[in-house]
Protein backbone atom coordinates (compact mmCIF):
# COMPACT_ATOMS: atom_id res chain seq x y z
CA MET A 1 0.00 0.00 0.00
CA TYR A 2 1.24 3.43 -0.91
CA ASP A 3 0.73 6.55 1.16
CA PHE A 4 2.75 9.09 -0.83
CA ASP A 5 0.96 12.15 -2.15
CA ASP A 6 2.09 13.79 -5.38
CA GLN A 7 0.27 17.00 -4.42
CA THR A 8 2.24 17.50 -1.20
CA PHE A 9 5.61 16.04 -2.19
CA SER A 10 7.15 19.46 -2.85
CA ASP A 11 5.94 20.78 0.53
CA LEU A 12 7.24 17.71 2.35
CA HIS A 13 10.62 18.03 0.64
CA LYS A 14 10.82 21.72 1.58
CA ASP A 15 9.93 20.97 5.20
CA ALA A 16 12.57 18.25 5.40
CA TYR A 17 15.43 19.91 3.54
CA GLY A 18 14.61 23.61 3.41
CA PHE A 19 14.14 23.87 -0.35
CA ARG A 20 11.76 22.65 -3.00
CA PRO A 21 12.91 19.80 -5.25
CA ARG A 22 13.88 20.54 -8.82
CA GLY A 23 14.29 17.80 -11.35
CA HIS A 24 13.85 15.21 -8.62
CA GLU A 25 13.65 11.56 -9.65
CA TYR A 26 10.33 11.41 -7.76
CA ASN A 27 8.62 13.05 -10.73
CA THR A 28 9.32 10.10 -13.04
CA ALA A 29 9.62 7.28 -10.50
CA THR A 30 7.45 4.19 -10.31
CA PRO A 31 4.87 4.10 -7.52
CA ALA A 32 7.10 1.72 -5.53
CA ARG A 33 10.11 4.05 -5.86
CA LYS A 34 7.95 7.08 -5.01
CA GLN A 35 6.96 5.31 -1.81
CA GLU A 36 10.63 4.65 -0.95
CA ILE A 37 11.51 8.30 -1.55
CA TRP A 38 8.48 9.43 0.45
CA VAL A 39 9.39 7.25 3.44
CA GLN A 40 12.99 8.49 3.38
CA ILE A 41 11.92 12.12 3.33
CA VAL A 42 9.44 11.57 6.17
CA ASP A 43 12.22 9.91 8.20
CA ASP A 44 14.58 12.79 7.42
CA LEU A 45 11.92 15.32 8.40
CA GLU A 46 11.37 13.58 11.74
CA ALA A 47 15.12 13.55 12.39
CA ALA A 48 15.37 17.24 11.49
CA GLN A 49 12.50 18.10 13.84
CA ILE A 50 14.14 16.19 16.69
CA GLU A 51 17.43 17.99 16.08
CA GLU A 52 15.67 21.35 15.89
CA ALA A 53 13.93 20.69 19.22
CA ARG A 54 17.28 19.71 20.77
CA GLN A 55 18.90 22.90 19.50
CA GLU A 56 16.02 25.01 20.80
CA GLN A 57 16.29 23.47 24.26
CA GLU A 58 20.04 24.06 24.24
CA ALA A 59 19.50 27.70 23.20
CA ILE A 60 16.96 28.19 26.00
CA ALA A 61 19.37 26.74 28.55
CA GLU A 62 22.19 29.00 27.28
CA PHE A 63 19.92 32.03 27.42
CA GLU A 64 18.90 31.22 31.00
CA VAL A 65 22.58 30.91 31.96
CA TRP A 66 23.19 34.34 30.43
CA VAL A 67 20.28 35.83 32.39
CA GLN A 68 21.62 34.30 35.61
CA GLN A 69 25.12 35.63 34.90
CA VAL A 70 23.75 39.15 34.42
CA ILE A 71 21.79 38.86 37.67
CA GLU A 72 24.97 37.78 39.47
CA LEU A 73 26.78 40.77 37.98
CA GLY A 74 24.36 43.05 39.82
CA ALA A 75 21.06 43.14 37.99
CA ARG A 76 19.34 41.67 41.09
CA ASN A 77 16.31 40.30 39.19
CA ARG A 78 15.24 38.93 35.82
CA GLU A 79 13.54 42.10 34.60
CA THR A 80 16.62 44.21 35.24
CA ALA A 81 18.84 41.57 33.67
CA LEU A 82 16.70 41.50 30.52
CA ARG A 83 16.74 45.28 30.36
CA TRP A 84 20.54 45.33 30.60
CA MET A 85 20.86 42.55 28.03
CA ALA A 86 18.50 44.28 25.61
CA ASN A 87 20.06 47.71 26.11
CA GLU A 88 23.07 46.53 24.12
CA ASN A 89 20.82 47.03 21.06
CA VAL A 90 18.86 49.85 19.50
CA PHE A 91 15.19 48.99 19.00
CA HIS A 92 13.23 51.08 16.53
CA HIS A 93 10.05 48.99 16.48
CA SER A 94 8.61 45.70 17.75
CA GLN A 95 10.18 43.67 14.93
CA ASP A 96 13.58 44.58 16.35
CA ILE A 97 12.58 42.86 19.59
CA GLU A 98 11.50 39.78 17.63
CA HIS A 99 14.80 39.82 15.77
CA TRP A 100 16.75 39.97 19.03
CA VAL A 101 14.84 36.96 20.40
CA TRP A 102 15.29 35.17 17.07
CA LYS A 103 19.07 35.72 17.25
CA GLN A 104 19.00 33.85 20.57
CA GLY A 105 17.59 30.84 18.68
CA ILE A 106 14.37 30.71 20.66
CA LEU A 107 11.74 32.88 18.93
CA PHE A 108 9.60 30.00 17.68
CA THR A 109 9.39 28.26 21.05
CA ASP A 110 6.88 28.76 23.85
CA TYR A 111 9.75 30.16 25.93
CA GLY A 112 10.62 32.60 23.14
CA ARG A 113 7.04 33.78 22.77
CA ASP A 114 6.83 34.36 26.52
CA LEU A 115 10.18 36.16 26.48
CA LEU A 116 8.95 38.37 23.65
CA LYS A 117 5.94 39.40 25.74
CA GLU A 118 8.24 40.03 28.69
CA LEU A 119 10.56 42.21 26.64
CA GLN A 120 7.70 44.20 25.17
CA GLY A 121 7.07 45.55 28.68
CA ILE A 122 10.75 46.32 29.26
CA VAL A 123 12.25 47.63 26.03
CA VAL A 124 12.31 51.34 25.30
CA PHE A 125 12.43 52.20 21.61
CA SER A 126 14.97 54.58 20.08
CA ASN A 127 12.40 57.38 20.08
CA GLY A 128 11.93 56.98 23.85
CA THR A 129 8.54 55.25 23.74
CA LYS A 130 7.58 51.96 25.33
CA TYR A 131 5.94 49.13 23.39
CA PHE A 132 2.53 49.62 24.98
């Protein structure tokens, strides 16, 4: 039994490898070979997702270490530490905050989304206004 889907092959390939296939043998393969290719790409996608999750958890742990180090240097609490950490940058609008969190490798995690909300209440933009 085959479970490949010609309509979503390109999307699956992009999710697994980061780019759409061009001139891939899948397009002219037999149904049996298409199934083999499909299974391999699904396996590769699962492996990539596991590795991405591992990297995200590592990035969160590293970020938390950084926060703790700044607290130990005198920030006294998390909010002050985040303010000091963020003050190394110039923020012109909310996308700059997102970019800063993205550079930490954690934007697309629950932790990153919570951190983004936290920073929106802390960061002062280059024109002197707060996010609110």
